[in-house]
Amino acid sequence: MIALKALWIMTLGLLLTACQSVATNDRGSVWFRIPPGSELVLNRPLSIPAQRAHVMLQHGTAAGAASEFEVACRFEVRDLGPRVIQPDSFLITGYGSQQEWENYPHTRRFYKIFRLKSKHQSGIMPMVCEYFDWPLFGRPVTQAQIEEALGDYFSFRFSE
């Protein structure tokens, strides 16, 4: 009877700790969570080239394309350029971390999507930060990797 009670107490303790959040403030962790009400801030004008609807940002540089095997972010608009996105604050209305097969069984795509809303500029699409890797070596994109890819073009303003 005592052994059964002890087993129930240990099981209950295990269940309670399993429900505990693993969220952290460490931007290098895959468990980092963006607080609701946070913003993505465009610090300087960002040019969308002619006949394109996006620009790629990698290692703080904006270009039409980027290496697929290093984290890069695609900032996209609804209509084709040329267009200049002016400095602005974009409310992060949602985000998620995902992965999918790109070339089974060799390559997996790891990515994070940020749904953005601007009060001043229309046609802003979700920003996707991604890279490709071997399935056993890849891991979800971290906030630190995203910030490195965006460089000084963008910064995050996290709510309290």
N, C-alpha and C. Protein backbone atom coordinates (compact mmCIF):
# COMPACT_ATOMS: atom_id res chain seq x y z
N MET A 1 0.81 -1.19 0.00
CA MET A 1 0.00 0.00 0.00
C MET A 1 0.87 1.26 0.00
N ILE A 2 1.92 1.30 0.85
CA ILE A 2 2.80 2.45 0.90
C ILE A 2 3.57 2.59 -0.42
N ALA A 3 3.98 1.46 -0.99
CA ALA A 3 4.70 1.48 -2.27
C ALA A 3 3.79 2.04 -3.37
N LEU A 4 2.51 1.71 -3.35
CA LEU A 4 1.56 2.22 -4.34
C LEU A 4 1.38 3.73 -4.18
N LYS A 5 1.29 4.22 -2.94
CA LYS A 5 1.18 5.66 -2.69
C LYS A 5 2.43 6.39 -3.19
N ALA A 6 3.59 5.82 -2.92
CA ALA A 6 4.84 6.43 -3.36
C ALA A 6 4.90 6.48 -4.88
N LEU A 7 4.44 5.43 -5.54
CA LEU A 7 4.41 5.40 -6.99
C LEU A 7 3.48 6.48 -7.54
N TRP A 8 2.31 6.66 -6.93
CA TRP A 8 1.37 7.70 -7.37
C TRP A 8 1.96 9.09 -7.17
N ILE A 9 2.63 9.33 -6.07
CA ILE A 9 3.23 10.63 -5.80
C ILE A 9 4.34 10.92 -6.81
N MET A 10 5.17 9.92 -7.11
CA MET A 10 6.23 10.11 -8.10
C MET A 10 5.64 10.37 -9.49
N THR A 11 4.59 9.64 -9.85
CA THR A 11 3.94 9.83 -11.15
C THR A 11 3.34 11.22 -11.25
N LEU A 12 2.66 11.66 -10.19
CA LEU A 12 2.07 13.00 -10.17
C LEU A 12 3.16 14.07 -10.28
N GLY A 13 4.25 13.91 -9.57
CA GLY A 13 5.37 14.85 -9.65
C GLY A 13 5.96 14.91 -11.05
N LEU A 14 6.10 13.76 -11.67
CA LEU A 14 6.63 13.70 -13.04
C LEU A 14 5.69 14.42 -14.01
N LEU A 15 4.40 14.19 -13.87
CA LEU A 15 3.42 14.84 -14.75
C LEU A 15 3.44 16.36 -14.57
N LEU A 16 3.55 16.82 -13.34
CA LEU A 16 3.57 18.26 -13.09
C LEU A 16 4.83 18.92 -13.66
N THR A 17 5.97 18.27 -13.55
CA THR A 17 7.19 18.86 -14.11
C THR A 17 7.17 18.78 -15.63
N ALA A 18 6.50 17.80 -16.20
CA ALA A 18 6.40 17.69 -17.66
C ALA A 18 5.57 18.83 -18.24
N CYS A 19 4.65 19.38 -17.46
CA CYS A 19 3.80 20.47 -17.93
C CYS A 19 4.49 21.83 -17.79
N GLN A 20 5.62 21.86 -17.15
CA GLN A 20 6.34 23.09 -16.93
C GLN A 20 6.86 23.65 -18.25
N SER A 21 6.79 24.96 -18.41
CA SER A 21 7.25 25.61 -19.63
C SER A 21 8.77 25.55 -19.74
N VAL A 22 9.26 25.38 -20.98
CA VAL A 22 10.69 25.38 -21.20
C VAL A 22 11.13 26.69 -21.84
N ALA A 23 10.23 27.69 -21.90
CA ALA A 23 10.55 28.98 -22.48
C ALA A 23 11.73 29.61 -21.74
N THR A 24 12.56 30.35 -22.49
CA THR A 24 13.75 30.97 -21.92
C THR A 24 13.98 32.34 -22.53
N ASN A 25 14.80 33.15 -21.90
CA ASN A 25 15.19 34.45 -22.43
C ASN A 25 16.47 34.38 -23.26
N ASP A 26 17.02 33.19 -23.40
CA ASP A 26 18.26 32.98 -24.15
C ASP A 26 17.94 32.95 -25.64
N ARG A 27 18.37 33.98 -26.37
CA ARG A 27 18.06 34.08 -27.80
C ARG A 27 18.75 33.01 -28.64
N GLY A 28 19.75 32.36 -28.09
CA GLY A 28 20.43 31.28 -28.79
C GLY A 28 19.76 29.93 -28.61
N SER A 29 18.73 29.89 -27.79
CA SER A 29 18.03 28.64 -27.51
C SER A 29 16.84 28.45 -28.46
N VAL A 30 16.57 27.21 -28.81
CA VAL A 30 15.39 26.93 -29.63
C VAL A 30 14.11 27.13 -28.83
N TRP A 31 14.22 27.30 -27.52
CA TRP A 31 13.06 27.47 -26.64
C TRP A 31 12.74 28.95 -26.39
N PHE A 32 13.46 29.87 -27.01
CA PHE A 32 13.17 31.29 -26.84
C PHE A 32 11.77 31.59 -27.37
N ARG A 33 10.99 32.34 -26.62
CA ARG A 33 9.63 32.70 -27.02
C ARG A 33 9.51 34.22 -27.11
N ILE A 34 8.89 34.68 -28.18
CA ILE A 34 8.67 36.12 -28.37
C ILE A 34 7.41 36.51 -27.62
N PRO A 35 7.51 37.48 -26.72
CA PRO A 35 6.33 37.88 -25.95
C PRO A 35 5.27 38.53 -26.84
N PRO A 36 4.00 38.30 -26.56
CA PRO A 36 2.93 38.95 -27.32
C PRO A 36 3.09 40.48 -27.28
N GLY A 37 2.78 41.13 -28.38
CA GLY A 37 2.90 42.58 -28.46
C GLY A 37 4.27 43.07 -28.90
N SER A 38 5.18 42.15 -29.21
CA SER A 38 6.53 42.52 -29.65
C SER A 38 6.48 43.03 -31.09
N GLU A 39 7.54 43.76 -31.47
CA GLU A 39 7.59 44.36 -32.80
C GLU A 39 8.92 44.05 -33.49
N LEU A 40 8.86 44.01 -34.81
CA LEU A 40 10.04 43.95 -35.66
C LEU A 40 10.20 45.35 -36.22
N VAL A 41 11.35 45.96 -35.99
CA VAL A 41 11.57 47.36 -36.37
C VAL A 41 12.53 47.42 -37.55
N LEU A 42 12.07 48.03 -38.65
CA LEU A 42 12.92 48.28 -39.80
C LEU A 42 13.65 49.60 -39.53
N ASN A 43 14.97 49.54 -39.43
CA ASN A 43 15.77 50.70 -39.01
C ASN A 43 16.17 51.62 -40.15
N ARG A 44 16.17 51.12 -41.38
CA ARG A 44 16.56 51.93 -42.53
C ARG A 44 15.80 51.44 -43.75
N PRO A 45 15.70 52.27 -44.79
CA PRO A 45 14.94 51.86 -45.97
C PRO A 45 15.46 50.54 -46.56
N LEU A 46 14.51 49.74 -47.05
CA LEU A 46 14.82 48.44 -47.63
C LEU A 46 14.22 48.41 -49.03
N SER A 47 15.07 48.24 -50.04
CA SER A 47 14.64 48.27 -51.43
C SER A 47 14.24 46.89 -51.92
N ILE A 48 13.06 46.82 -52.53
CA ILE A 48 12.61 45.60 -53.22
C ILE A 48 12.91 45.82 -54.69
N PRO A 49 13.72 44.97 -55.32
CA PRO A 49 14.12 45.18 -56.73
C PRO A 49 12.93 45.07 -57.69
N ALA A 50 13.13 45.60 -58.89
CA ALA A 50 12.13 45.51 -59.95
C ALA A 50 11.82 44.05 -60.26
N GLN A 51 10.55 43.78 -60.53
CA GLN A 51 10.06 42.46 -60.88
C GLN A 51 10.26 41.41 -59.78
N ARG A 52 10.45 41.87 -58.57
CA ARG A 52 10.56 40.98 -57.40
C ARG A 52 9.54 41.43 -56.36
N ALA A 53 9.18 40.49 -55.49
CA ALA A 53 8.28 40.83 -54.40
C ALA A 53 8.95 40.57 -53.05
N HIS A 54 10.25 40.31 -53.07
CA HIS A 54 10.94 40.05 -51.81
C HIS A 54 12.41 40.46 -51.90
N VAL A 55 13.01 40.52 -50.75
CA VAL A 55 14.46 40.71 -50.65
C VAL A 55 14.95 39.72 -49.60
N MET A 56 16.13 39.15 -49.83
CA MET A 56 16.73 38.21 -48.89
C MET A 56 17.75 38.94 -48.03
N LEU A 57 17.75 38.63 -46.74
CA LEU A 57 18.72 39.22 -45.82
C LEU A 57 19.53 38.08 -45.20
N GLN A 58 20.86 38.18 -45.34
CA GLN A 58 21.75 37.16 -44.79
C GLN A 58 23.04 37.85 -44.38
N HIS A 59 23.50 37.58 -43.15
CA HIS A 59 24.70 38.21 -42.60
C HIS A 59 24.61 39.74 -42.68
N GLY A 60 23.40 40.29 -42.52
CA GLY A 60 23.22 41.74 -42.51
C GLY A 60 23.25 42.40 -43.87
N THR A 61 23.23 41.61 -44.93
CA THR A 61 23.27 42.14 -46.29
C THR A 61 21.96 41.81 -47.00
N ALA A 62 21.42 42.79 -47.71
CA ALA A 62 20.20 42.60 -48.50
C ALA A 62 20.58 42.25 -49.93
N ALA A 63 19.95 41.20 -50.49
CA ALA A 63 20.25 40.77 -51.86
C ALA A 63 19.03 40.07 -52.43
N GLY A 64 19.12 39.72 -53.70
CA GLY A 64 18.03 39.01 -54.36
C GLY A 64 18.00 37.53 -54.03
N ALA A 65 19.16 36.98 -53.60
CA ALA A 65 19.25 35.55 -53.27
C ALA A 65 20.22 35.37 -52.11
N ALA A 66 20.23 34.18 -51.54
CA ALA A 66 21.10 33.89 -50.40
C ALA A 66 21.46 32.41 -50.40
N SER A 67 22.50 32.06 -49.66
CA SER A 67 22.89 30.66 -49.51
C SER A 67 21.78 29.92 -48.76
N GLU A 68 21.38 28.78 -49.29
CA GLU A 68 20.31 28.01 -48.65
C GLU A 68 20.78 27.27 -47.41
N PHE A 69 22.09 27.14 -47.22
CA PHE A 69 22.59 26.34 -46.12
C PHE A 69 23.04 27.18 -44.92
N GLU A 70 22.72 28.47 -44.94
CA GLU A 70 22.92 29.36 -43.81
C GLU A 70 21.62 30.12 -43.61
N VAL A 71 21.34 30.52 -42.38
CA VAL A 71 20.07 31.19 -42.10
C VAL A 71 19.97 32.50 -42.87
N ALA A 72 18.86 32.65 -43.58
CA ALA A 72 18.54 33.87 -44.32
C ALA A 72 17.06 34.17 -44.09
N CYS A 73 16.70 35.45 -44.15
CA CYS A 73 15.32 35.86 -43.96
C CYS A 73 14.79 36.49 -45.25
N ARG A 74 13.58 36.10 -45.61
CA ARG A 74 12.93 36.63 -46.81
C ARG A 74 11.84 37.61 -46.37
N PHE A 75 12.09 38.91 -46.63
CA PHE A 75 11.09 39.94 -46.34
C PHE A 75 10.32 40.14 -47.63
N GLU A 76 9.00 39.95 -47.57
CA GLU A 76 8.19 39.89 -48.78
C GLU A 76 7.02 40.87 -48.73
N VAL A 77 6.69 41.38 -49.91
CA VAL A 77 5.52 42.26 -50.06
C VAL A 77 4.57 41.63 -51.08
N ARG A 78 3.34 42.09 -51.10
CA ARG A 78 2.34 41.49 -51.96
C ARG A 78 2.57 41.79 -53.44
N ASP A 79 2.97 43.01 -53.79
CA ASP A 79 3.11 43.43 -55.18
C ASP A 79 4.56 43.47 -55.62
N LEU A 80 4.79 43.30 -56.92
CA LEU A 80 6.14 43.37 -57.46
C LEU A 80 6.74 44.77 -57.35
N GLY A 81 8.06 44.80 -57.16
CA GLY A 81 8.79 46.06 -57.08
C GLY A 81 9.04 46.61 -58.45
N PRO A 82 9.71 47.72 -58.53
CA PRO A 82 10.52 48.27 -57.45
C PRO A 82 9.67 48.97 -56.40
N ARG A 83 10.15 48.86 -55.17
CA ARG A 83 9.48 49.48 -54.03
C ARG A 83 10.49 49.66 -52.92
N VAL A 84 10.34 50.73 -52.18
CA VAL A 84 11.19 50.96 -51.02
C VAL A 84 10.32 50.90 -49.78
N ILE A 85 10.66 49.99 -48.88
CA ILE A 85 9.95 49.89 -47.61
C ILE A 85 10.63 50.86 -46.66
N GLN A 86 9.86 51.80 -46.16
CA GLN A 86 10.41 52.83 -45.29
C GLN A 86 10.54 52.31 -43.85
N PRO A 87 11.46 52.90 -43.06
CA PRO A 87 11.57 52.50 -41.66
C PRO A 87 10.21 52.52 -40.98
N ASP A 88 9.95 51.48 -40.21
CA ASP A 88 8.62 51.27 -39.64
C ASP A 88 8.73 50.25 -38.52
N SER A 89 7.69 50.18 -37.72
CA SER A 89 7.56 49.13 -36.69
C SER A 89 6.44 48.21 -37.11
N PHE A 90 6.74 46.92 -37.19
CA PHE A 90 5.76 45.92 -37.59
C PHE A 90 5.38 45.10 -36.36
N LEU A 91 4.11 45.09 -36.04
CA LEU A 91 3.64 44.27 -34.93
C LEU A 91 3.75 42.81 -35.33
N ILE A 92 4.34 41.99 -34.47
CA ILE A 92 4.43 40.55 -34.71
C ILE A 92 3.12 39.96 -34.18
N THR A 93 2.22 39.62 -35.11
CA THR A 93 0.90 39.12 -34.72
C THR A 93 0.91 37.62 -34.48
N GLY A 94 1.97 36.95 -34.88
CA GLY A 94 2.12 35.52 -34.66
C GLY A 94 3.42 35.04 -35.24
N TYR A 95 3.89 33.93 -34.77
CA TYR A 95 5.12 33.33 -35.30
C TYR A 95 5.10 31.85 -35.00
N GLY A 96 5.86 31.11 -35.76
CA GLY A 96 5.94 29.67 -35.52
C GLY A 96 7.22 29.10 -36.10
N SER A 97 7.70 28.05 -35.48
CA SER A 97 8.90 27.36 -35.93
C SER A 97 8.48 26.03 -36.52
N GLN A 98 8.97 25.73 -37.74
CA GLN A 98 8.56 24.52 -38.42
C GLN A 98 9.74 23.89 -39.15
N GLN A 99 9.51 22.68 -39.63
CA GLN A 99 10.49 22.00 -40.49
C GLN A 99 9.74 21.08 -41.42
N GLU A 100 10.35 20.84 -42.58
CA GLU A 100 9.73 19.96 -43.57
C GLU A 100 10.81 19.35 -44.45
N TRP A 101 10.46 18.26 -45.09
CA TRP A 101 11.39 17.64 -46.02
C TRP A 101 11.50 18.48 -47.27
N GLU A 102 12.71 18.73 -47.71
CA GLU A 102 12.95 19.42 -48.97
C GLU A 102 13.34 18.41 -50.05
N ASN A 103 14.15 17.42 -49.66
CA ASN A 103 14.60 16.38 -50.58
C ASN A 103 14.79 15.11 -49.74
N TYR A 104 13.72 14.38 -49.55
CA TYR A 104 13.75 13.20 -48.69
C TYR A 104 14.71 12.16 -49.25
N PRO A 105 15.53 11.51 -48.50
CA PRO A 105 15.79 11.65 -47.07
C PRO A 105 17.03 12.49 -46.76
N HIS A 106 17.46 13.32 -47.72
CA HIS A 106 18.74 14.01 -47.58
C HIS A 106 18.68 15.41 -46.98
N THR A 107 17.66 16.17 -47.28
CA THR A 107 17.66 17.58 -46.90
C THR A 107 16.34 17.97 -46.24
N ARG A 108 16.47 18.69 -45.13
CA ARG A 108 15.31 19.21 -44.41
C ARG A 108 15.39 20.72 -44.37
N ARG A 109 14.25 21.35 -44.48
CA ARG A 109 14.14 22.82 -44.40
C ARG A 109 13.68 23.16 -42.99
N PHE A 110 14.45 24.00 -42.29
CA PHE A 110 14.12 24.48 -40.96
C PHE A 110 13.78 25.96 -41.10
N TYR A 111 12.63 26.37 -40.59
CA TYR A 111 12.24 27.77 -40.79
C TYR A 111 11.33 28.29 -39.68
N LYS A 112 11.31 29.62 -39.59
CA LYS A 112 10.46 30.32 -38.64
C LYS A 112 9.71 31.38 -39.44
N ILE A 113 8.42 31.48 -39.20
CA ILE A 113 7.56 32.45 -39.89
C ILE A 113 7.11 33.51 -38.90
N PHE A 114 7.21 34.77 -39.33
CA PHE A 114 6.73 35.90 -38.53
C PHE A 114 5.59 36.58 -39.29
N ARG A 115 4.39 36.59 -38.72
CA ARG A 115 3.28 37.33 -39.33
C ARG A 115 3.36 38.76 -38.83
N LEU A 116 3.38 39.71 -39.78
CA LEU A 116 3.65 41.11 -39.47
C LEU A 116 2.48 42.00 -39.87
N LYS A 117 2.30 43.08 -39.11
CA LYS A 117 1.26 44.06 -39.41
C LYS A 117 1.82 45.46 -39.25
N SER A 118 1.59 46.29 -40.28
CA SER A 118 2.05 47.68 -40.25
C SER A 118 0.84 48.60 -40.28
N LYS A 119 0.89 49.67 -39.52
CA LYS A 119 -0.16 50.69 -39.55
C LYS A 119 0.04 51.64 -40.72
N HIS A 120 1.26 51.67 -41.28
CA HIS A 120 1.60 52.69 -42.27
C HIS A 120 1.84 52.16 -43.68
N GLN A 121 2.15 50.87 -43.81
CA GLN A 121 2.50 50.33 -45.12
C GLN A 121 1.68 49.07 -45.39
N SER A 122 1.09 49.01 -46.57
CA SER A 122 0.23 47.87 -46.91
C SER A 122 1.02 46.79 -47.66
N GLY A 123 0.41 45.62 -47.73
CA GLY A 123 0.96 44.54 -48.53
C GLY A 123 2.17 43.85 -47.94
N ILE A 124 2.38 43.96 -46.64
CA ILE A 124 3.52 43.29 -46.01
C ILE A 124 3.12 41.83 -45.73
N MET A 125 3.89 40.92 -46.27
CA MET A 125 3.63 39.49 -46.13
C MET A 125 4.43 38.94 -44.94
N PRO A 126 4.13 37.70 -44.53
CA PRO A 126 4.92 37.09 -43.45
C PRO A 126 6.41 36.99 -43.83
N MET A 127 7.27 37.24 -42.87
CA MET A 127 8.72 37.10 -43.08
C MET A 127 9.10 35.68 -42.69
N VAL A 128 9.88 35.03 -43.56
CA VAL A 128 10.32 33.66 -43.32
C VAL A 128 11.84 33.64 -43.19
N CYS A 129 12.33 33.06 -42.10
CA CYS A 129 13.77 32.89 -41.88
C CYS A 129 14.04 31.39 -41.92
N GLU A 130 14.98 30.97 -42.78
CA GLU A 130 15.13 29.53 -43.03
C GLU A 130 16.56 29.15 -43.39
N TYR A 131 16.79 27.83 -43.35
CA TYR A 131 18.00 27.25 -43.90
C TYR A 131 17.75 25.77 -44.13
N PHE A 132 18.62 25.13 -44.91
CA PHE A 132 18.51 23.72 -45.23
C PHE A 132 19.67 22.98 -44.57
N ASP A 133 19.42 21.74 -44.13
CA ASP A 133 20.48 20.95 -43.51
C ASP A 133 20.12 19.47 -43.59
N TRP A 134 21.11 18.64 -43.24
CA TRP A 134 20.87 17.21 -43.13
C TRP A 134 19.89 17.00 -41.98
N PRO A 135 19.00 16.03 -42.08
CA PRO A 135 17.99 15.81 -41.04
C PRO A 135 18.57 15.56 -39.65
N LEU A 136 19.68 14.83 -39.54
CA LEU A 136 20.23 14.52 -38.23
C LEU A 136 21.02 15.67 -37.61
N PHE A 137 21.48 16.61 -38.43
CA PHE A 137 22.30 17.70 -37.93
C PHE A 137 21.52 19.00 -37.75
N GLY A 138 20.45 19.18 -38.50
CA GLY A 138 19.69 20.42 -38.45
C GLY A 138 18.93 20.58 -37.15
N ARG A 139 18.62 21.83 -36.85
CA ARG A 139 17.83 22.14 -35.67
C ARG A 139 17.03 23.39 -35.96
N PRO A 140 15.99 23.66 -35.19
CA PRO A 140 15.17 24.84 -35.45
C PRO A 140 15.99 26.13 -35.47
N VAL A 141 15.53 27.08 -36.24
CA VAL A 141 16.18 28.39 -36.35
C VAL A 141 16.02 29.11 -35.02
N THR A 142 17.12 29.71 -34.53
CA THR A 142 17.07 30.43 -33.25
C THR A 142 16.92 31.93 -33.48
N GLN A 143 16.49 32.62 -32.46
CA GLN A 143 16.37 34.08 -32.52
C GLN A 143 17.72 34.74 -32.79
N ALA A 144 18.77 34.21 -32.19
CA ALA A 144 20.12 34.77 -32.41
C ALA A 144 20.52 34.64 -33.88
N GLN A 145 20.21 33.51 -34.51
CA GLN A 145 20.53 33.34 -35.94
C GLN A 145 19.73 34.32 -36.80
N ILE A 146 18.48 34.55 -36.43
CA ILE A 146 17.64 35.49 -37.17
C ILE A 146 18.21 36.90 -37.06
N GLU A 147 18.58 37.31 -35.86
CA GLU A 147 19.13 38.65 -35.65
C GLU A 147 20.43 38.83 -36.43
N GLU A 148 21.25 37.78 -36.50
CA GLU A 148 22.50 37.87 -37.26
C GLU A 148 22.20 38.01 -38.76
N ALA A 149 21.23 37.28 -39.24
CA ALA A 149 20.85 37.36 -40.66
C ALA A 149 20.32 38.75 -41.02
N LEU A 150 19.52 39.34 -40.15
CA LEU A 150 18.91 40.64 -40.42
C LEU A 150 19.88 41.80 -40.27
N GLY A 151 20.95 41.60 -39.51
CA GLY A 151 21.94 42.66 -39.32
C GLY A 151 21.33 43.91 -38.75
N ASP A 152 21.79 45.08 -39.23
CA ASP A 152 21.25 46.33 -38.69
C ASP A 152 20.04 46.85 -39.48
N TYR A 153 19.59 46.07 -40.47
CA TYR A 153 18.36 46.46 -41.17
C TYR A 153 17.17 46.42 -40.21
N PHE A 154 17.08 45.34 -39.44
CA PHE A 154 15.97 45.16 -38.53
C PHE A 154 16.47 44.95 -37.11
N SER A 155 15.62 45.28 -36.15
CA SER A 155 15.86 44.94 -34.76
C SER A 155 14.52 44.53 -34.16
N PHE A 156 14.56 43.83 -33.07
CA PHE A 156 13.34 43.40 -32.40
C PHE A 156 13.13 44.26 -31.17
N ARG A 157 11.89 44.64 -30.93
CA ARG A 157 11.49 45.35 -29.73
C ARG A 157 10.54 44.41 -28.99
N PHE A 158 11.06 43.75 -27.94
CA PHE A 158 10.27 42.77 -27.22
C PHE A 158 9.46 43.45 -26.13
N SER A 159 8.18 43.09 -26.04
CA SER A 159 7.32 43.66 -25.00
C SER A 159 7.67 42.98 -23.68
N GLU A 160 7.28 43.62 -22.64
CA GLU A 160 7.56 43.09 -21.29
C GLU A 160 6.57 42.04 -20.88
